[in-house]
Structures are given as structure tokens and as C-alpha cells.
């Protein structure tokens, strides 16, 4: 087995383990906030904060060791649009409240076979493409707009 396949299998194994752990722990941003607001239970909120801290430390380690080209990420773009951030955050929050979980919780439900999660996944993917503001996302949107409708 070549190195590329080994990396793909390692990623799949890590993804399976993370998904299994998230499913067992009911890891969800919406659920963590809901538990805190409704019952003042901080267990899931603390695990969510811990995950954020691990992600921040992990990215910093990757950057310091030059293991990843963090500076080339489109997330570090200098453009700042407060109106877009507000509207996007509001839409995300309303969608999260309507579906009853966050994006990660939706992935967990999708892995469990929930068909509503499949629809939410597709809409979330299209919204992410539309909001990315990159040349590639503009090409994807243009190609989708030029396709014939099926209904």
C-alpha cells in the first residue's frame, strides 16, 4: 500500500473514532449551550471549550513546526464584512435552532441515518460555497446556475 492510501486510511480511522466519540458524548454546540441555559449544566459546554482549546493549540503547533501552510489559508483573508458576519451568524443561529443541533451534531445525525440531516447537509454545503467568496466557489455557483432545472 502506498503512502497516499495509508494517509487516507489513517484519516478515515481518525474520522470514525472522532464520530464515534462525538456520538457517544452527544457533542454539539447547540446542545452544550442549551444545557447551560436551561439547566445550568456545564458538562457539555466544558467539553466544547476544551475542543476549541485543543484546536487552537494544535493549529499553533502546526504553524510553529511548519507542518502546515497556515498562512495560505483563505480563512486569514484581510476582508472584514460586519454586516455579512451579522446576517450569516443570525441565519446560522436560526437554522441551528430550527434543526435542533449544530453543524457537527448534524453530521452525527447524518452518520446515524437521519434523512433530515442529509437535506440540512446539502443546504449547509451550498451556503458554505456561496459564502466562501473565492474564485472556485464563484465557478461552482455559476455552473450550478447554468444547469437545467429538474422540476
C-alpha atoms as a PDB file:
ATOM      1  CA  UNK A   1       0.000   0.000   0.000  1.00  0.00           C
ATOM      2  CA  UNK A   2       1.472   3.372  -0.996  1.00  0.00           C
ATOM      3  CA  UNK A   3       1.757   6.395   1.303  1.00  0.00           C
ATOM      4  CA  UNK A   4      -1.283   8.149  -0.141  1.00  0.00           C
ATOM      5  CA  UNK A   5      -3.545   5.216   0.686  1.00  0.00           C
ATOM      6  CA  UNK A   6      -2.062   4.927   4.160  1.00  0.00           C
ATOM      7  CA  UNK A   7      -2.840   8.585   4.815  1.00  0.00           C
ATOM      8  CA  UNK A   8      -6.399   8.159   3.531  1.00  0.00           C
ATOM      9  CA  UNK A   9      -6.956   5.118   5.755  1.00  0.00           C
ATOM     10  CA  UNK A  10      -5.493   6.978   8.739  1.00  0.00           C
ATOM     11  CA  UNK A  11      -7.825   9.931   8.094  1.00  0.00           C
ATOM     12  CA  UNK A  12     -10.809   7.589   7.779  1.00  0.00           C
ATOM     13  CA  UNK A  13      -9.882   5.845  11.032  1.00  0.00           C
ATOM     14  CA  UNK A  14      -9.454   9.139  12.878  1.00  0.00           C
ATOM     15  CA  UNK A  15     -12.757  10.390  11.467  1.00  0.00           C
ATOM     16  CA  UNK A  16     -14.541   7.207  12.537  1.00  0.00           C
ATOM     17  CA  UNK A  17     -13.075   7.439  16.054  1.00  0.00           C
ATOM     18  CA  UNK A  18     -13.976  11.138  16.351  1.00  0.00           C
ATOM     19  CA  UNK A  19     -17.504  10.496  15.092  1.00  0.00           C
ATOM     20  CA  UNK A  20     -17.979   7.572  17.461  1.00  0.00           C
ATOM     21  CA  UNK A  21     -16.731   9.612  20.419  1.00  0.00           C
ATOM     22  CA  UNK A  22     -18.895  12.590  19.450  1.00  0.00           C
ATOM     23  CA  UNK A  23     -21.962  10.382  19.084  1.00  0.00           C
ATOM     24  CA  UNK A  24     -21.402   8.732  22.459  1.00  0.00           C
ATOM     25  CA  UNK A  25     -20.718  12.063  24.207  1.00  0.00           C
ATOM     26  CA  UNK A  26     -23.579  13.880  22.431  1.00  0.00           C
ATOM     27  CA  UNK A  27     -21.071  16.570  21.406  1.00  0.00           C
ATOM     28  CA  UNK A  28     -22.952  19.532  19.946  1.00  0.00           C
ATOM     29  CA  UNK A  29     -22.570  23.296  20.260  1.00  0.00           C
ATOM     30  CA  UNK A  30     -26.312  23.859  20.351  1.00  0.00           C
ATOM     31  CA  UNK A  31     -26.793  21.117  22.941  1.00  0.00           C
ATOM     32  CA  UNK A  32     -23.983  22.493  25.100  1.00  0.00           C
ATOM     33  CA  UNK A  33     -25.498  25.985  25.098  1.00  0.00           C
ATOM     34  CA  UNK A  34     -28.982  24.605  25.648  1.00  0.00           C
ATOM     35  CA  UNK A  35     -27.826  22.508  28.623  1.00  0.00           C
ATOM     36  CA  UNK A  36     -26.182  25.559  30.163  1.00  0.00           C
ATOM     37  CA  UNK A  37     -29.103  27.959  29.614  1.00  0.00           C
ATOM     38  CA  UNK A  38     -31.877  25.540  30.590  1.00  0.00           C
ATOM     39  CA  UNK A  39     -30.292  23.521  33.399  1.00  0.00           C
ATOM     40  CA  UNK A  40     -27.044  25.331  34.244  1.00  0.00           C
ATOM     41  CA  UNK A  41     -25.266  22.075  33.355  1.00  0.00           C
ATOM     42  CA  UNK A  42     -21.739  22.855  32.143  1.00  0.00           C
ATOM     43  CA  UNK A  43     -20.517  19.354  31.266  1.00  0.00           C
ATOM     44  CA  UNK A  44     -21.012  19.583  27.505  1.00  0.00           C
ATOM     45  CA  UNK A  45     -20.063  23.261  27.434  1.00  0.00           C
ATOM     46  CA  UNK A  46     -16.733  22.456  29.123  1.00  0.00           C
ATOM     47  CA  UNK A  47     -16.060  19.683  26.599  1.00  0.00           C
ATOM     48  CA  UNK A  48     -16.838  22.114  23.780  1.00  0.00           C
ATOM     49  CA  UNK A  49     -14.436  24.731  25.230  1.00  0.00           C
ATOM     50  CA  UNK A  50     -11.800  22.010  25.653  1.00  0.00           C
ATOM     51  CA  UNK A  51     -12.192  21.050  21.983  1.00  0.00           C
ATOM     52  CA  UNK A  52     -11.703  24.690  20.963  1.00  0.00           C
ATOM     53  CA  UNK A  53      -8.561  24.961  23.096  1.00  0.00           C
ATOM     54  CA  UNK A  54      -7.154  21.745  21.604  1.00  0.00           C
ATOM     55  CA  UNK A  55      -7.865  23.049  18.092  1.00  0.00           C
ATOM     56  CA  UNK A  56      -6.153  26.371  18.791  1.00  0.00           C
ATOM     57  CA  UNK A  57      -3.102  24.718  20.345  1.00  0.00           C
ATOM     58  CA  UNK A  58      -2.961  22.168  17.512  1.00  0.00           C
ATOM     59  CA  UNK A  59      -3.025  24.845  14.810  1.00  0.00           C
ATOM     60  CA  UNK A  60      -0.344  26.830  16.621  1.00  0.00           C
ATOM     61  CA  UNK A  61       1.861  23.729  16.867  1.00  0.00           C
ATOM     62  CA  UNK A  62       1.382  23.042  13.154  1.00  0.00           C
ATOM     63  CA  UNK A  63       2.325  26.644  12.402  1.00  0.00           C
ATOM     64  CA  UNK A  64       5.376  26.732  14.691  1.00  0.00           C
ATOM     65  CA  UNK A  65       6.747  23.464  13.304  1.00  0.00           C
ATOM     66  CA  UNK A  66       5.970  24.435   9.684  1.00  0.00           C
ATOM     67  CA  UNK A  67       4.000  21.198   9.319  1.00  0.00           C
ATOM     68  CA  UNK A  68       1.160  23.066   7.568  1.00  0.00           C
ATOM     69  CA  UNK A  69       0.983  26.207   5.446  1.00  0.00           C
ATOM     70  CA  UNK A  70      -1.370  28.059   7.791  1.00  0.00           C
ATOM     71  CA  UNK A  71      -0.537  31.440   6.231  1.00  0.00           C
ATOM     72  CA  UNK A  72      -2.018  30.325   2.899  1.00  0.00           C
ATOM     73  CA  UNK A  73      -5.454  29.599   4.363  1.00  0.00           C
ATOM     74  CA  UNK A  74      -8.348  31.586   2.906  1.00  0.00           C
ATOM     75  CA  UNK A  75      -9.632  31.985   6.475  1.00  0.00           C
ATOM     76  CA  UNK A  76      -6.877  34.530   7.039  1.00  0.00           C
ATOM     77  CA  UNK A  77      -8.201  36.834   4.329  1.00  0.00           C
ATOM     78  CA  UNK A  78      -7.984  40.510   5.310  1.00  0.00           C
ATOM     79  CA  UNK A  79     -11.551  41.321   4.195  1.00  0.00           C
ATOM     80  CA  UNK A  80     -13.924  42.069   7.053  1.00  0.00           C
ATOM     81  CA  UNK A  81     -17.645  42.491   6.466  1.00  0.00           C
ATOM     82  CA  UNK A  82     -19.529  43.090   9.739  1.00  0.00           C
ATOM     83  CA  UNK A  83     -22.948  43.157   8.036  1.00  0.00           C
ATOM     84  CA  UNK A  84     -22.251  39.826   6.340  1.00  0.00           C
ATOM     85  CA  UNK A  85     -20.983  38.368   9.606  1.00  0.00           C
ATOM     86  CA  UNK A  86     -24.102  39.509  11.440  1.00  0.00           C
ATOM     87  CA  UNK A  87     -26.511  38.196   8.803  1.00  0.00           C
ATOM     88  CA  UNK A  88     -24.585  34.924   8.431  1.00  0.00           C
ATOM     89  CA  UNK A  89     -24.446  34.418  12.193  1.00  0.00           C
ATOM     90  CA  UNK A  90     -28.148  35.167  12.507  1.00  0.00           C
ATOM     91  CA  UNK A  91     -29.010  32.713   9.719  1.00  0.00           C
ATOM     92  CA  UNK A  92     -26.748  30.066  11.269  1.00  0.00           C
ATOM     93  CA  UNK A  93     -28.337  30.557  14.694  1.00  0.00           C
ATOM     94  CA  UNK A  94     -31.878  30.396  13.353  1.00  0.00           C
ATOM     95  CA  UNK A  95     -31.041  27.285  11.332  1.00  0.00           C
ATOM     96  CA  UNK A  96     -29.385  25.699  14.356  1.00  0.00           C
ATOM     97  CA  UNK A  97     -32.477  26.388  16.464  1.00  0.00           C
ATOM     98  CA  UNK A  98     -34.839  25.061  13.753  1.00  0.00           C
ATOM     99  CA  UNK A  99     -32.915  21.830  13.243  1.00  0.00           C
ATOM    100  CA  UNK A 100     -32.201  21.363  16.942  1.00  0.00           C
ATOM    101  CA  UNK A 101     -28.436  20.970  16.715  1.00  0.00           C
ATOM    102  CA  UNK A 102     -25.300  22.491  15.272  1.00  0.00           C
ATOM    103  CA  UNK A 103     -23.409  21.550  12.121  1.00  0.00           C
ATOM    104  CA  UNK A 104     -21.343  18.936  13.929  1.00  0.00           C
ATOM    105  CA  UNK A 105     -24.465  17.482  15.508  1.00  0.00           C
ATOM    106  CA  UNK A 106     -25.988  17.356  12.034  1.00  0.00           C
ATOM    107  CA  UNK A 107     -23.017  15.300  10.825  1.00  0.00           C
ATOM    108  CA  UNK A 108     -23.505  12.937  13.747  1.00  0.00           C
ATOM    109  CA  UNK A 109     -27.199  12.563  12.881  1.00  0.00           C
ATOM    110  CA  UNK A 110     -26.301  12.047   9.223  1.00  0.00           C
ATOM    111  CA  UNK A 111     -23.945   9.242  10.235  1.00  0.00           C
ATOM    112  CA  UNK A 112     -26.830   7.740  12.202  1.00  0.00           C
ATOM    113  CA  UNK A 113     -29.056   7.686   9.112  1.00  0.00           C
ATOM    114  CA  UNK A 114     -31.261  10.750   9.690  1.00  0.00           C
ATOM    115  CA  UNK A 115     -32.593  11.853   6.265  1.00  0.00           C
ATOM    116  CA  UNK A 116     -33.405  15.373   7.504  1.00  0.00           C
ATOM    117  CA  UNK A 117     -29.710  15.720   8.268  1.00  0.00           C
ATOM    118  CA  UNK A 118     -28.924  14.874   4.639  1.00  0.00           C
ATOM    119  CA  UNK A 119     -31.069  17.783   3.449  1.00  0.00           C
ATOM    120  CA  UNK A 120     -29.511  20.127   6.021  1.00  0.00           C
ATOM    121  CA  UNK A 121     -26.052  18.919   4.957  1.00  0.00           C
ATOM    122  CA  UNK A 122     -26.739  19.778   1.314  1.00  0.00           C
ATOM    123  CA  UNK A 123     -28.145  23.230   2.153  1.00  0.00           C
ATOM    124  CA  UNK A 124     -25.234  23.908   4.508  1.00  0.00           C
ATOM    125  CA  UNK A 125     -22.754  22.901   1.808  1.00  0.00           C
ATOM    126  CA  UNK A 126     -24.334  25.215  -0.750  1.00  0.00           C
ATOM    127  CA  UNK A 127     -24.370  28.071   1.771  1.00  0.00           C
ATOM    128  CA  UNK A 128     -20.698  27.456   2.580  1.00  0.00           C
ATOM    129  CA  UNK A 129     -19.805  27.521  -1.122  1.00  0.00           C
ATOM    130  CA  UNK A 130     -21.806  30.710  -1.612  1.00  0.00           C
ATOM    131  CA  UNK A 131     -20.191  32.477   1.334  1.00  0.00           C
ATOM    132  CA  UNK A 132     -16.599  31.419   0.659  1.00  0.00           C
ATOM    133  CA  UNK A 133     -16.013  34.332  -1.756  1.00  0.00           C
ATOM    134  CA  UNK A 134     -13.271  32.541  -3.655  1.00  0.00           C
ATOM    135  CA  UNK A 135     -12.770  32.063  -7.398  1.00  0.00           C
ATOM    136  CA  UNK A 136     -13.530  28.357  -7.067  1.00  0.00           C
ATOM    137  CA  UNK A 137     -16.817  28.974  -5.216  1.00  0.00           C
ATOM    138  CA  UNK A 138     -17.836  31.507  -7.872  1.00  0.00           C
ATOM    139  CA  UNK A 139     -17.183  28.856 -10.566  1.00  0.00           C
ATOM    140  CA  UNK A 140     -19.260  26.281  -8.684  1.00  0.00           C
ATOM    141  CA  UNK A 141     -22.159  28.695  -8.234  1.00  0.00           C
ATOM    142  CA  UNK A 142     -22.037  29.711 -11.913  1.00  0.00           C
ATOM    143  CA  UNK A 143     -22.014  26.076 -13.061  1.00  0.00           C
ATOM    144  CA  UNK A 144     -24.955  25.241 -10.770  1.00  0.00           C
ATOM    145  CA  UNK A 145     -26.906  28.257 -12.052  1.00  0.00           C
ATOM    146  CA  UNK A 146     -26.414  27.176 -15.678  1.00  0.00           C
ATOM    147  CA  UNK A 147     -27.728  23.649 -15.144  1.00  0.00           C
ATOM    148  CA  UNK A 148     -31.276  22.842 -16.274  1.00  0.00           C
ATOM    149  CA  UNK A 149     -33.851  22.508 -13.512  1.00  0.00           C
ATOM    150  CA  UNK A 150     -35.168  19.013 -12.829  1.00  0.00           C
ATOM    151  CA  UNK A 151     -38.638  20.014 -11.683  1.00  0.00           C
END
